Amino acid sequence: MISIVIPVYNEEATLRELHQRVVEVMLKQNDSYEIIFINDGSTDRTYEVAKDLRPLKMITLQRNYGDTPALDVGIQEAKGDIIIFMDADLQDDPGELIKMLHKLSEGCDVIVSWRRKRYDRPSRIIFSRFANMIVSYVLGVNIHDFGCGLKIYKSKFIKDFRLWGEAQVFLPAIAKERGARICEVEISHYPRKYGSSKIKISKMIKGGFDLISVAFFIKYFSKPLRFFGGWGLFSIVLSFTAFISSLLLRIYNTPLTTTPLPTVGTLFALTGVILFMLGLLAEIVLRNYYAVVGRSPYFIREIIDNGRSVKE
């Protein structure tokens, strides 16, 4: 089954056309499907327009929370083993879904769309390209367009991952860390006909803090002791350096009371011990987490059991 998750906020002008075009595309393929609108606290006639559309499941949030919480709700509600994310502004053509779904049959687990030629303001395009280069470098994922809303995921790679901040932008990197094969598909992009973009550049800048947390999650979530222990070791090395320097100064008749090195050394030593303890506690918490939820940090792609002969 395929679940199409679409967050909508004050998009009354596009909803009927969007729904019709998505249905037309999904009827061209053989899998069953569901369309889920997450009404993110719209204040226009979005609710009235959408409630009469068929087939459709609409979830209305109490107020406007933003794209990421809306998508998180959609992921949790989706029943499909394939989840499609899509924006409601019709700048991305739903007709591209056929091409993207075909990529899944080629062994891909995540399909990310690439708007090579964009119809947005020049300042937005320039900032987006710069941001994409930084994100690609930090997360180690070679993707041209993290910000495009049109993406396809096999649900097993994202179903149990809760989104926060602007983490949905970096979700392909999370899926890759879990073993997903990522493919990129170039799509057509169109000027926005109605309204204005809900995602401002200031909000994208704040997403840099989420980039740091996602980078930590990818690199160290399953082995936090390496992160805290690494910094702890660095702090202890600085501590030894400070103590040795103070000892050399003492040998050359410099009173220890005239230098802060002993105090600095003690501070770094305590910091190193605390970091090691934090790493150990994080390891314990992580192992308890996996034990409670009954899963491991590893994903199995396939099991083949051809049977075996047992000689009695």
C-alpha atoms as a PDB file:
ATOM      1  CA  MET A   1       0.000   0.000   0.000  1.00  0.00           C
ATOM      2  CA  ILE A   2       1.135   3.563  -0.736  1.00  0.00           C
ATOM      3  CA  SER A   3       0.418   6.456   1.628  1.00  0.00           C
ATOM      4  CA  ILE A   4       0.574  10.003   0.236  1.00  0.00           C
ATOM      5  CA  VAL A   5       1.087  12.453   3.106  1.00  0.00           C
ATOM      6  CA  ILE A   6       0.451  16.125   2.305  1.00  0.00           C
ATOM      7  CA  PRO A   7       0.603  18.897   4.925  1.00  0.00           C
ATOM      8  CA  VAL A   8      -1.781  21.727   4.013  1.00  0.00           C
ATOM      9  CA  TYR A   9      -1.948  25.223   5.479  1.00  0.00           C
ATOM     10  CA  ASN A  10      -4.205  27.829   3.856  1.00  0.00           C
ATOM     11  CA  GLU A  11      -4.114  26.080   0.462  1.00  0.00           C
ATOM     12  CA  GLU A  12      -7.829  26.230  -0.423  1.00  0.00           C
ATOM     13  CA  ALA A  13      -7.061  27.383  -3.967  1.00  0.00           C
ATOM     14  CA  THR A  14      -5.000  24.299  -4.890  1.00  0.00           C
ATOM     15  CA  LEU A  15      -6.628  21.424  -3.004  1.00  0.00           C
ATOM     16  CA  ARG A  16      -9.184  20.232  -5.575  1.00  0.00           C
ATOM     17  CA  GLU A  17      -6.692  20.295  -8.440  1.00  0.00           C
ATOM     18  CA  LEU A  18      -4.005  18.700  -6.272  1.00  0.00           C
ATOM     19  CA  HIS A  19      -6.309  15.891  -5.151  1.00  0.00           C
ATOM     20  CA  GLN A  20      -7.564  15.226  -8.672  1.00  0.00           C
ATOM     21  CA  ARG A  21      -4.062  15.049 -10.130  1.00  0.00           C
ATOM     22  CA  VAL A  22      -2.797  12.767  -7.356  1.00  0.00           C
ATOM     23  CA  VAL A  23      -5.753  10.398  -7.844  1.00  0.00           C
ATOM     24  CA  GLU A  24      -5.176  10.331 -11.616  1.00  0.00           C
ATOM     25  CA  VAL A  25      -1.531   9.398 -11.084  1.00  0.00           C
ATOM     26  CA  MET A  26      -2.222   6.722  -8.482  1.00  0.00           C
ATOM     27  CA  LEU A  27      -4.838   5.064 -10.714  1.00  0.00           C
ATOM     28  CA  LYS A  28      -2.079   4.458 -13.275  1.00  0.00           C
ATOM     29  CA  GLN A  29      -0.284   2.049 -10.940  1.00  0.00           C
ATOM     30  CA  ASN A  30      -1.437  -1.225  -9.404  1.00  0.00           C
ATOM     31  CA  ASP A  31      -0.929  -0.721  -5.667  1.00  0.00           C
ATOM     32  CA  SER A  32      -3.680   0.370  -3.307  1.00  0.00           C
ATOM     33  CA  TYR A  33      -3.219   3.849  -1.895  1.00  0.00           C
ATOM     34  CA  GLU A  34      -4.432   6.382   0.629  1.00  0.00           C
ATOM     35  CA  ILE A  35      -4.242  10.170   0.545  1.00  0.00           C
ATOM     36  CA  ILE A  36      -3.699  11.892   3.891  1.00  0.00           C
ATOM     37  CA  PHE A  37      -4.092  15.645   4.283  1.00  0.00           C
ATOM     38  CA  ILE A  38      -2.676  17.090   7.508  1.00  0.00           C
ATOM     39  CA  ASN A  39      -4.617  20.323   7.975  1.00  0.00           C
ATOM     40  CA  ASP A  40      -2.050  22.343   9.906  1.00  0.00           C
ATOM     41  CA  GLY A  41      -4.422  24.801  11.579  1.00  0.00           C
ATOM     42  CA  SER A  42      -5.595  26.496   8.370  1.00  0.00           C
ATOM     43  CA  THR A  43      -7.544  29.724   8.806  1.00  0.00           C
ATOM     44  CA  ASP A  44      -9.068  29.879   5.307  1.00  0.00           C
ATOM     45  CA  ARG A  45     -11.551  27.450   3.698  1.00  0.00           C
ATOM     46  CA  THR A  46      -9.053  24.590   3.472  1.00  0.00           C
ATOM     47  CA  TYR A  47     -11.145  22.406   5.795  1.00  0.00           C
ATOM     48  CA  GLU A  48     -14.422  23.044   3.940  1.00  0.00           C
ATOM     49  CA  VAL A  49     -12.862  22.351   0.545  1.00  0.00           C
ATOM     50  CA  ALA A  50     -11.006  19.203   1.607  1.00  0.00           C
ATOM     51  CA  LYS A  51     -13.722  17.480   3.647  1.00  0.00           C
ATOM     52  CA  ASP A  52     -15.766  16.604   0.550  1.00  0.00           C
ATOM     53  CA  LEU A  53     -12.882  15.107  -1.449  1.00  0.00           C
ATOM     54  CA  ARG A  54     -12.847  11.326  -2.030  1.00  0.00           C
ATOM     55  CA  PRO A  55     -10.775   9.288  -1.320  1.00  0.00           C
ATOM     56  CA  LEU A  56      -9.176  11.256   1.482  1.00  0.00           C
ATOM     57  CA  LYS A  57      -8.231  11.033   5.119  1.00  0.00           C
ATOM     58  CA  MET A  58      -7.885  14.480   6.692  1.00  0.00           C
ATOM     59  CA  ILE A  59      -6.325  15.128  10.088  1.00  0.00           C
ATOM     60  CA  THR A  60      -6.843  18.637  11.445  1.00  0.00           C
ATOM     61  CA  LEU A  61      -4.372  19.939  14.011  1.00  0.00           C
ATOM     62  CA  GLN A  62      -5.464  22.263  16.814  1.00  0.00           C
ATOM     63  CA  ARG A  63      -3.298  25.123  15.522  1.00  0.00           C
ATOM     64  CA  ASN A  64      -0.526  25.821  13.031  1.00  0.00           C
ATOM     65  CA  TYR A  65       2.539  23.821  14.133  1.00  0.00           C
ATOM     66  CA  GLY A  66       4.544  23.807  10.900  1.00  0.00           C
ATOM     67  CA  ASP A  67       5.525  21.267   8.231  1.00  0.00           C
ATOM     68  CA  THR A  68       7.646  19.013  10.416  1.00  0.00           C
ATOM     69  CA  PRO A  69       5.035  18.229  13.123  1.00  0.00           C
ATOM     70  CA  ALA A  70       2.413  17.818  10.398  1.00  0.00           C
ATOM     71  CA  LEU A  71       4.580  15.289   8.563  1.00  0.00           C
ATOM     72  CA  ASP A  72       5.318  13.503  11.836  1.00  0.00           C
ATOM     73  CA  VAL A  73       1.574  13.067  12.379  1.00  0.00           C
ATOM     74  CA  GLY A  74       1.242  11.811   8.809  1.00  0.00           C
ATOM     75  CA  ILE A  75       4.007   9.242   9.238  1.00  0.00           C
ATOM     76  CA  GLN A  76       2.364   7.850  12.353  1.00  0.00           C
ATOM     77  CA  GLU A  77      -1.060   7.672  10.648  1.00  0.00           C
ATOM     78  CA  ALA A  78       0.180   6.198   7.364  1.00  0.00           C
ATOM     79  CA  LYS A  79      -0.663   2.546   6.778  1.00  0.00           C
ATOM     80  CA  GLY A  80       1.413   2.034   3.659  1.00  0.00           C
ATOM     81  CA  ASP A  81       4.771   0.325   3.389  1.00  0.00           C
ATOM     82  CA  ILE A  82       5.635   3.174   1.003  1.00  0.00           C
ATOM     83  CA  ILE A  83       5.190   6.778   2.185  1.00  0.00           C
ATOM     84  CA  ILE A  84       5.167   9.738  -0.185  1.00  0.00           C
ATOM     85  CA  PHE A  85       5.697  13.311   1.023  1.00  0.00           C
ATOM     86  CA  MET A  86       4.338  16.088  -1.129  1.00  0.00           C
ATOM     87  CA  ASP A  87       3.719  19.836  -0.814  1.00  0.00           C
ATOM     88  CA  ALA A  88       0.264  21.237  -1.530  1.00  0.00           C
ATOM     89  CA  ASP A  89       1.306  24.250  -3.600  1.00  0.00           C
ATOM     90  CA  LEU A  90       1.525  22.348  -6.939  1.00  0.00           C
ATOM     91  CA  GLN A  91       4.996  23.685  -7.687  1.00  0.00           C
ATOM     92  CA  ASP A  92       6.039  20.022  -7.908  1.00  0.00           C
ATOM     93  CA  ASP A  93       4.096  18.063 -10.517  1.00  0.00           C
ATOM     94  CA  PRO A  94       2.285  14.994  -9.044  1.00  0.00           C
ATOM     95  CA  GLY A  95       2.784  13.377 -12.455  1.00  0.00           C
ATOM     96  CA  GLU A  96       6.448  12.880 -11.546  1.00  0.00           C
ATOM     97  CA  LEU A  97       5.372  10.216  -9.034  1.00  0.00           C
ATOM     98  CA  ILE A  98       5.163   7.510 -11.707  1.00  0.00           C
ATOM     99  CA  LYS A  99       8.808   8.065 -12.634  1.00  0.00           C
ATOM    100  CA  MET A 100       9.831   8.150  -8.982  1.00  0.00           C
ATOM    101  CA  LEU A 101       7.857   5.031  -8.026  1.00  0.00           C
ATOM    102  CA  HIS A 102       9.488   3.163 -10.902  1.00  0.00           C
ATOM    103  CA  LYS A 103      12.845   3.830  -9.232  1.00  0.00           C
ATOM    104  CA  LEU A 104      11.727   1.752  -6.240  1.00  0.00           C
ATOM    105  CA  SER A 105      11.585  -1.315  -8.475  1.00  0.00           C
ATOM    106  CA  GLU A 106      15.253  -0.712  -9.319  1.00  0.00           C
ATOM    107  CA  GLY A 107      16.280  -1.411  -5.724  1.00  0.00           C
ATOM    108  CA  CYS A 108      16.064   2.085  -4.214  1.00  0.00           C
ATOM    109  CA  ASP A 109      14.609   2.621  -0.738  1.00  0.00           C
ATOM    110  CA  VAL A 110      14.385   6.414  -0.739  1.00  0.00           C
ATOM    111  CA  ILE A 111      13.658   8.599  -3.770  1.00  0.00           C
ATOM    112  CA  VAL A 112      14.613  12.268  -3.449  1.00  0.00           C
ATOM    113  CA  SER A 113      13.490  14.732  -6.101  1.00  0.00           C
ATOM    114  CA  TRP A 114      15.815  17.371  -7.536  1.00  0.00           C
ATOM    115  CA  ARG A 115      14.512  20.690  -8.832  1.00  0.00           C
ATOM    116  CA  ARG A 116      17.395  21.438 -11.204  1.00  0.00           C
ATOM    117  CA  LYS A 117      15.540  24.433 -12.684  1.00  0.00           C
ATOM    118  CA  ARG A 118      13.609  26.262  -9.976  1.00  0.00           C
ATOM    119  CA  TYR A 119      11.009  29.020 -10.217  1.00  0.00           C
ATOM    120  CA  ASP A 120      11.592  30.811  -6.925  1.00  0.00           C
ATOM    121  CA  ARG A 121      13.099  34.136  -5.936  1.00  0.00           C
ATOM    122  CA  PRO A 122      16.847  34.383  -6.772  1.00  0.00           C
ATOM    123  CA  SER A 123      17.741  35.002  -3.109  1.00  0.00           C
ATOM    124  CA  ARG A 124      15.900  31.851  -2.112  1.00  0.00           C
ATOM    125  CA  ILE A 125      17.597  29.770  -4.811  1.00  0.00           C
ATOM    126  CA  ILE A 126      21.083  31.030  -3.889  1.00  0.00           C
ATOM    127  CA  PHE A 127      20.539  30.392  -0.174  1.00  0.00           C
ATOM    128  CA  SER A 128      19.114  26.932  -0.891  1.00  0.00           C
ATOM    129  CA  ARG A 129      22.106  25.887  -2.993  1.00  0.00           C
ATOM    130  CA  PHE A 130      24.523  27.082  -0.329  1.00  0.00           C
ATOM    131  CA  ALA A 131      22.562  25.272   2.390  1.00  0.00           C
ATOM    132  CA  ASN A 132      22.407  22.065   0.341  1.00  0.00           C
ATOM    133  CA  MET A 133      26.198  22.039  -0.036  1.00  0.00           C
ATOM    134  CA  ILE A 134      26.687  22.439   3.717  1.00  0.00           C
ATOM    135  CA  VAL A 135      24.109  19.766   4.625  1.00  0.00           C
ATOM    136  CA  SER A 136      25.506  17.336   2.065  1.00  0.00           C
ATOM    137  CA  TYR A 137      29.023  17.789   3.472  1.00  0.00           C
ATOM    138  CA  VAL A 138      28.032  17.566   7.156  1.00  0.00           C
ATOM    139  CA  LEU A 139      25.758  14.536   6.769  1.00  0.00           C
ATOM    140  CA  GLY A 140      27.811  12.783   4.105  1.00  0.00           C
ATOM    141  CA  VAL A 141      24.852  12.353   1.739  1.00  0.00           C
ATOM    142  CA  ASN A 142      25.320  13.377  -1.884  1.00  0.00           C
ATOM    143  CA  ILE A 143      21.943  15.026  -2.563  1.00  0.00           C
ATOM    144  CA  HIS A 144      21.428  18.179  -4.608  1.00  0.00           C
ATOM    145  CA  ASP A 145      18.088  19.266  -3.153  1.00  0.00           C
ATOM    146  CA  PHE A 146      17.313  18.409   0.477  1.00  0.00           C
ATOM    147  CA  GLY A 147      14.550  21.007   0.620  1.00  0.00           C
ATOM    148  CA  CYS A 148      12.265  19.662  -2.106  1.00  0.00           C
ATOM    149  CA  GLY A 149       9.036  18.416  -0.529  1.00  0.00           C
ATOM    150  CA  LEU A 150       8.483  15.565  -3.002  1.00  0.00           C
ATOM    151  CA  LYS A 151      10.112  12.428  -1.570  1.00  0.00           C
ATOM    152  CA  ILE A 152       9.330   8.721  -1.363  1.00  0.00           C
ATOM    153  CA  TYR A 153      10.370   6.435   1.499  1.00  0.00           C
ATOM    154  CA  LYS A 154       9.978   2.793   2.323  1.00  0.00           C
ATOM    155  CA  SER A 155       8.236   3.213   5.645  1.00  0.00           C
ATOM    156  CA  LYS A 156      10.430   0.792   7.614  1.00  0.00           C
ATOM    157  CA  PHE A 157      13.283   3.300   7.471  1.00  0.00           C
ATOM    158  CA  ILE A 158      11.342   6.233   8.972  1.00  0.00           C
ATOM    159  CA  LYS A 159       8.225   4.850  10.692  1.00  0.00           C
ATOM    160  CA  ASP A 160       9.645   4.810  14.224  1.00  0.00           C
ATOM    161  CA  PHE A 161      11.640   8.035  13.892  1.00  0.00           C
ATOM    162  CA  ARG A 162       9.916  11.048  15.470  1.00  0.00           C
ATOM    163  CA  LEU A 163      10.471  14.369  13.736  1.00  0.00           C
ATOM    164  CA  TRP A 164      11.385  17.606  15.527  1.00  0.00           C
ATOM    165  CA  GLY A 165      12.332  21.136  14.459  1.00  0.00           C
ATOM    166  CA  GLU A 166      13.149  20.973  10.741  1.00  0.00           C
ATOM    167  CA  ALA A 167      14.377  17.369  10.896  1.00  0.00           C
ATOM    168  CA  GLN A 168      12.161  16.290   7.993  1.00  0.00           C
ATOM    169  CA  VAL A 169      14.618  18.050   5.636  1.00  0.00           C
ATOM    170  CA  PHE A 170      17.388  15.709   6.803  1.00  0.00           C
ATOM    171  CA  LEU A 171      15.279  12.546   6.841  1.00  0.00           C
ATOM    172  CA  PRO A 172      17.090  11.011   3.819  1.00  0.00           C
ATOM    173  CA  ALA A 173      20.297  11.054   5.876  1.00  0.00           C
ATOM    174  CA  ILE A 174      18.526   9.278   8.743  1.00  0.00           C
ATOM    175  CA  ALA A 175      17.269   6.635   6.315  1.00  0.00           C
ATOM    176  CA  LYS A 176      20.757   6.217   4.834  1.00  0.00           C
ATOM    177  CA  GLU A 177      22.225   5.715   8.317  1.00  0.00           C
ATOM    178  CA  ARG A 178      19.704   2.895   8.729  1.00  0.00           C
ATOM    179  CA  GLY A 179      20.884   1.245   5.537  1.00  0.00           C
ATOM    180  CA  ALA A 180      18.536   2.724   2.935  1.00  0.00           C
ATOM    181  CA  ARG A 181      19.632   3.057  -0.675  1.00  0.00           C
ATOM    182  CA  ILE A 182      18.995   6.627  -1.815  1.00  0.00           C
ATOM    183  CA  CYS A 183      18.269   7.582  -5.415  1.00  0.00           C
ATOM    184  CA  GLU A 184      17.780  11.057  -6.843  1.00  0.00           C
ATOM    185  CA  VAL A 185      15.328  11.884  -9.625  1.00  0.00           C
ATOM    186  CA  GLU A 186      15.234  15.171 -11.505  1.00  0.00           C
ATOM    187  CA  ILE A 187      11.740  16.666 -11.630  1.00  0.00           C
ATOM    188  CA  SER A 188      10.006  19.657 -13.197  1.00  0.00           C
ATOM    189  CA  HIS A 189       9.333  22.693 -11.054  1.00  0.00           C
ATOM    190  CA  TYR A 190       6.672  25.336 -11.676  1.00  0.00           C
ATOM    191  CA  PRO A 191       5.980  28.877 -10.461  1.00  0.00           C
ATOM    192  CA  ARG A 192       3.608  29.121  -7.536  1.00  0.00           C
ATOM    193  CA  LYS A 193       0.139  30.148  -8.779  1.00  0.00           C
ATOM    194  CA  TYR A 194      -1.523  30.945  -5.471  1.00  0.00           C
ATOM    195  CA  GLY A 195      -0.380  32.439  -2.186  1.00  0.00           C
ATOM    196  CA  SER A 196       3.204  32.563  -0.984  1.00  0.00           C
ATOM    197  CA  SER A 197       5.683  30.095   0.460  1.00  0.00           C
ATOM    198  CA  LYS A 198       5.119  29.228   4.129  1.00  0.00           C
ATOM    199  CA  ILE A 199       8.811  28.452   4.664  1.00  0.00           C
ATOM    200  CA  LYS A 200      10.863  31.598   5.237  1.00  0.00           C
ATOM    201  CA  ILE A 201      14.643  31.895   4.921  1.00  0.00           C
ATOM    202  CA  SER A 202      14.858  32.838   8.625  1.00  0.00           C
ATOM    203  CA  LYS A 203      13.243  29.519   9.480  1.00  0.00           C
ATOM    204  CA  MET A 204      15.708  27.695   7.235  1.00  0.00           C
ATOM    205  CA  ILE A 205      18.607  29.382   9.065  1.00  0.00           C
ATOM    206  CA  LYS A 206      17.249  28.160  12.408  1.00  0.00           C
ATOM    207  CA  GLY A 207      17.255  24.672  10.896  1.00  0.00           C
ATOM    208  CA  GLY A 208      21.040  24.759  11.293  1.00  0.00           C
ATOM    209  CA  PHE A 209      20.603  23.798  14.945  1.00  0.00           C
ATOM    210  CA  ASP A 210      18.573  20.768  13.853  1.00  0.00           C
ATOM    211  CA  LEU A 211      21.383  19.895  11.436  1.00  0.00           C
ATOM    212  CA  ILE A 212      23.765  19.642  14.413  1.00  0.00           C
ATOM    213  CA  SER A 213      21.412  17.356  16.336  1.00  0.00           C
ATOM    214  CA  VAL A 214      20.753  15.156  13.291  1.00  0.00           C
ATOM    215  CA  ALA A 215      24.494  14.898  12.592  1.00  0.00           C
ATOM    216  CA  PHE A 216      24.999  13.740  16.190  1.00  0.00           C
ATOM    217  CA  PHE A 217      22.133  11.257  15.843  1.00  0.00           C
ATOM    218  CA  ILE A 218      23.580   9.782  12.659  1.00  0.00           C
ATOM    219  CA  LYS A 219      27.177   9.520  13.787  1.00  0.00           C
ATOM    220  CA  TYR A 220      26.933   8.812  17.502  1.00  0.00           C
ATOM    221  CA  PHE A 221      23.411   7.770  18.525  1.00  0.00           C
ATOM    222  CA  SER A 222      24.285   4.062  18.582  1.00  0.00           C
ATOM    223  CA  LYS A 223      27.718   4.734  20.160  1.00  0.00           C
ATOM    224  CA  PRO A 224      27.498   7.872  22.338  1.00  0.00           C
ATOM    225  CA  LEU A 225      30.544   6.887  24.392  1.00  0.00           C
ATOM    226  CA  ARG A 226      32.724   7.560  21.345  1.00  0.00           C
ATOM    227  CA  PHE A 227      31.482  11.143  21.201  1.00  0.00           C
ATOM    228  CA  PHE A 228      31.629  11.955  24.910  1.00  0.00           C
ATOM    229  CA  GLY A 229      34.699   9.786  25.429  1.00  0.00           C
ATOM    230  CA  GLY A 230      36.547  11.498  22.585  1.00  0.00           C
ATOM    231  CA  TRP A 231      35.992  14.932  24.071  1.00  0.00           C
ATOM    232  CA  GLY A 232      36.739  13.565  27.535  1.00  0.00           C
ATOM    233  CA  LEU A 233      40.082  12.206  26.323  1.00  0.00           C
ATOM    234  CA  PHE A 234      40.873  15.545  24.683  1.00  0.00           C
ATOM    235  CA  SER A 235      40.071  17.340  27.944  1.00  0.00           C
ATOM    236  CA  ILE A 236      42.315  14.997  29.948  1.00  0.00           C
ATOM    237  CA  VAL A 237      45.181  15.538  27.473  1.00  0.00           C
ATOM    238  CA  LEU A 238      44.800  19.288  28.003  1.00  0.00           C
ATOM    239  CA  SER A 239      44.810  18.657  31.748  1.00  0.00           C
ATOM    240  CA  PHE A 240      48.107  16.736  31.578  1.00  0.00           C
ATOM    241  CA  THR A 241      49.559  19.462  29.355  1.00  0.00           C
ATOM    242  CA  ALA A 242      48.625  22.109  31.909  1.00  0.00           C
ATOM    243  CA  PHE A 243      50.093  20.092  34.829  1.00  0.00           C
ATOM    244  CA  ILE A 244      53.344  19.341  32.995  1.00  0.00           C
ATOM    245  CA  SER A 245      53.676  23.001  32.006  1.00  0.00           C
ATOM    246  CA  SER A 246      53.202  24.088  35.624  1.00  0.00           C
ATOM    247  CA  LEU A 247      55.788  21.502  36.746  1.00  0.00           C
ATOM    248  CA  LEU A 248      58.325  22.851  34.238  1.00  0.00           C
ATOM    249  CA  LEU A 249      57.660  26.372  35.447  1.00  0.00           C
ATOM    250  CA  ARG A 250      58.249  25.216  39.035  1.00  0.00           C
ATOM    251  CA  ILE A 251      61.558  23.641  38.025  1.00  0.00           C
ATOM    252  CA  TYR A 252      62.628  27.001  36.612  1.00  0.00           C
ATOM    253  CA  ASN A 253      61.763  28.676  39.919  1.00  0.00           C
ATOM    254  CA  THR A 254      58.432  30.153  38.885  1.00  0.00           C
ATOM    255  CA  PRO A 255      56.005  30.072  41.855  1.00  0.00           C
ATOM    256  CA  LEU A 256      52.845  28.105  41.125  1.00  0.00           C
ATOM    257  CA  THR A 257      50.814  30.893  42.697  1.00  0.00           C
ATOM    258  CA  THR A 258      51.677  33.163  39.776  1.00  0.00           C
ATOM    259  CA  THR A 259      50.195  30.902  37.115  1.00  0.00           C
ATOM    260  CA  PRO A 260      46.629  29.587  36.640  1.00  0.00           C
ATOM    261  CA  LEU A 261      47.878  26.349  35.063  1.00  0.00           C
ATOM    262  CA  PRO A 262      47.208  24.088  38.097  1.00  0.00           C
ATOM    263  CA  THR A 263      43.631  25.379  38.304  1.00  0.00           C
ATOM    264  CA  VAL A 264      43.166  24.995  34.552  1.00  0.00           C
ATOM    265  CA  GLY A 265      44.578  21.465  34.679  1.00  0.00           C
ATOM    266  CA  THR A 266      42.232  20.502  37.492  1.00  0.00           C
ATOM    267  CA  LEU A 267      39.259  21.958  35.579  1.00  0.00           C
ATOM    268  CA  PHE A 268      40.093  19.987  32.423  1.00  0.00           C
ATOM    269  CA  ALA A 269      40.633  16.798  34.438  1.00  0.00           C
ATOM    270  CA  LEU A 270      37.214  17.105  36.085  1.00  0.00           C
ATOM    271  CA  THR A 271      35.612  17.922  32.725  1.00  0.00           C
ATOM    272  CA  GLY A 272      37.178  14.823  31.158  1.00  0.00           C
ATOM    273  CA  VAL A 273      35.893  12.557  33.931  1.00  0.00           C
ATOM    274  CA  ILE A 274      32.394  14.064  33.674  1.00  0.00           C
ATOM    275  CA  LEU A 275      32.335  13.561  29.904  1.00  0.00           C
ATOM    276  CA  PHE A 276      33.355   9.919  30.277  1.00  0.00           C
ATOM    277  CA  MET A 277      30.588   9.405  32.844  1.00  0.00           C
ATOM    278  CA  LEU A 278      28.037  11.057  30.539  1.00  0.00           C
ATOM    279  CA  GLY A 279      29.101   8.721  27.743  1.00  0.00           C
ATOM    280  CA  LEU A 280      28.698   5.653  29.963  1.00  0.00           C
ATOM    281  CA  LEU A 281      25.267   6.811  31.144  1.00  0.00           C
ATOM    282  CA  ALA A 282      24.201   7.463  27.547  1.00  0.00           C
ATOM    283  CA  GLU A 283      25.313   3.944  26.572  1.00  0.00           C
ATOM    284  CA  ILE A 284      23.276   2.454  29.440  1.00  0.00           C
ATOM    285  CA  VAL A 285      20.190   4.505  28.579  1.00  0.00           C
ATOM    286  CA  LEU A 286      20.479   3.553  24.901  1.00  0.00           C
ATOM    287  CA  ARG A 287      20.729  -0.164  25.660  1.00  0.00           C
ATOM    288  CA  ASN A 288      17.746   0.042  28.002  1.00  0.00           C
ATOM    289  CA  TYR A 289      15.795   1.875  25.286  1.00  0.00           C
ATOM    290  CA  TYR A 290      16.399  -0.851  22.710  1.00  0.00           C
ATOM    291  CA  ALA A 291      15.559  -3.532  25.276  1.00  0.00           C
ATOM    292  CA  VAL A 292      12.258  -1.851  26.191  1.00  0.00           C
ATOM    293  CA  VAL A 293      11.080  -1.225  22.615  1.00  0.00           C
ATOM    294  CA  GLY A 294      12.200  -4.703  21.564  1.00  0.00           C
ATOM    295  CA  ARG A 295      14.344  -3.689  18.629  1.00  0.00           C
ATOM    296  CA  SER A 296      17.977  -3.101  17.734  1.00  0.00           C
ATOM    297  CA  PRO A 297      19.674  -0.241  15.875  1.00  0.00           C
ATOM    298  CA  TYR A 298      20.169  -2.561  12.897  1.00  0.00           C
ATOM    299  CA  PHE A 299      17.784  -3.200  10.013  1.00  0.00           C
ATOM    300  CA  ILE A 300      17.555  -6.518   8.168  1.00  0.00           C
ATOM    301  CA  ARG A 301      17.110  -6.115   4.422  1.00  0.00           C
ATOM    302  CA  GLU A 302      16.294  -9.712   3.554  1.00  0.00           C
ATOM    303  CA  ILE A 303      16.257 -13.242   4.989  1.00  0.00           C
ATOM    304  CA  ILE A 304      16.439 -16.263   2.739  1.00  0.00           C
ATOM    305  CA  ASP A 305      15.809 -19.639   4.338  1.00  0.00           C
ATOM    306  CA  ASN A 306      15.886 -22.434   1.799  1.00  0.00           C
ATOM    307  CA  GLY A 307      15.457 -25.046   4.465  1.00  0.00           C
ATOM    308  CA  ARG A 308      17.917 -27.679   5.541  1.00  0.00           C
ATOM    309  CA  SER A 309      18.004 -31.419   5.727  1.00  0.00           C
ATOM    310  CA  VAL A 310      18.190 -32.911   9.196  1.00  0.00           C
ATOM    311  CA  LYS A 311      19.537 -36.453   9.409  1.00  0.00           C
ATOM    312  CA  GLU A 312      17.880 -38.465  12.153  1.00  0.00           C
END
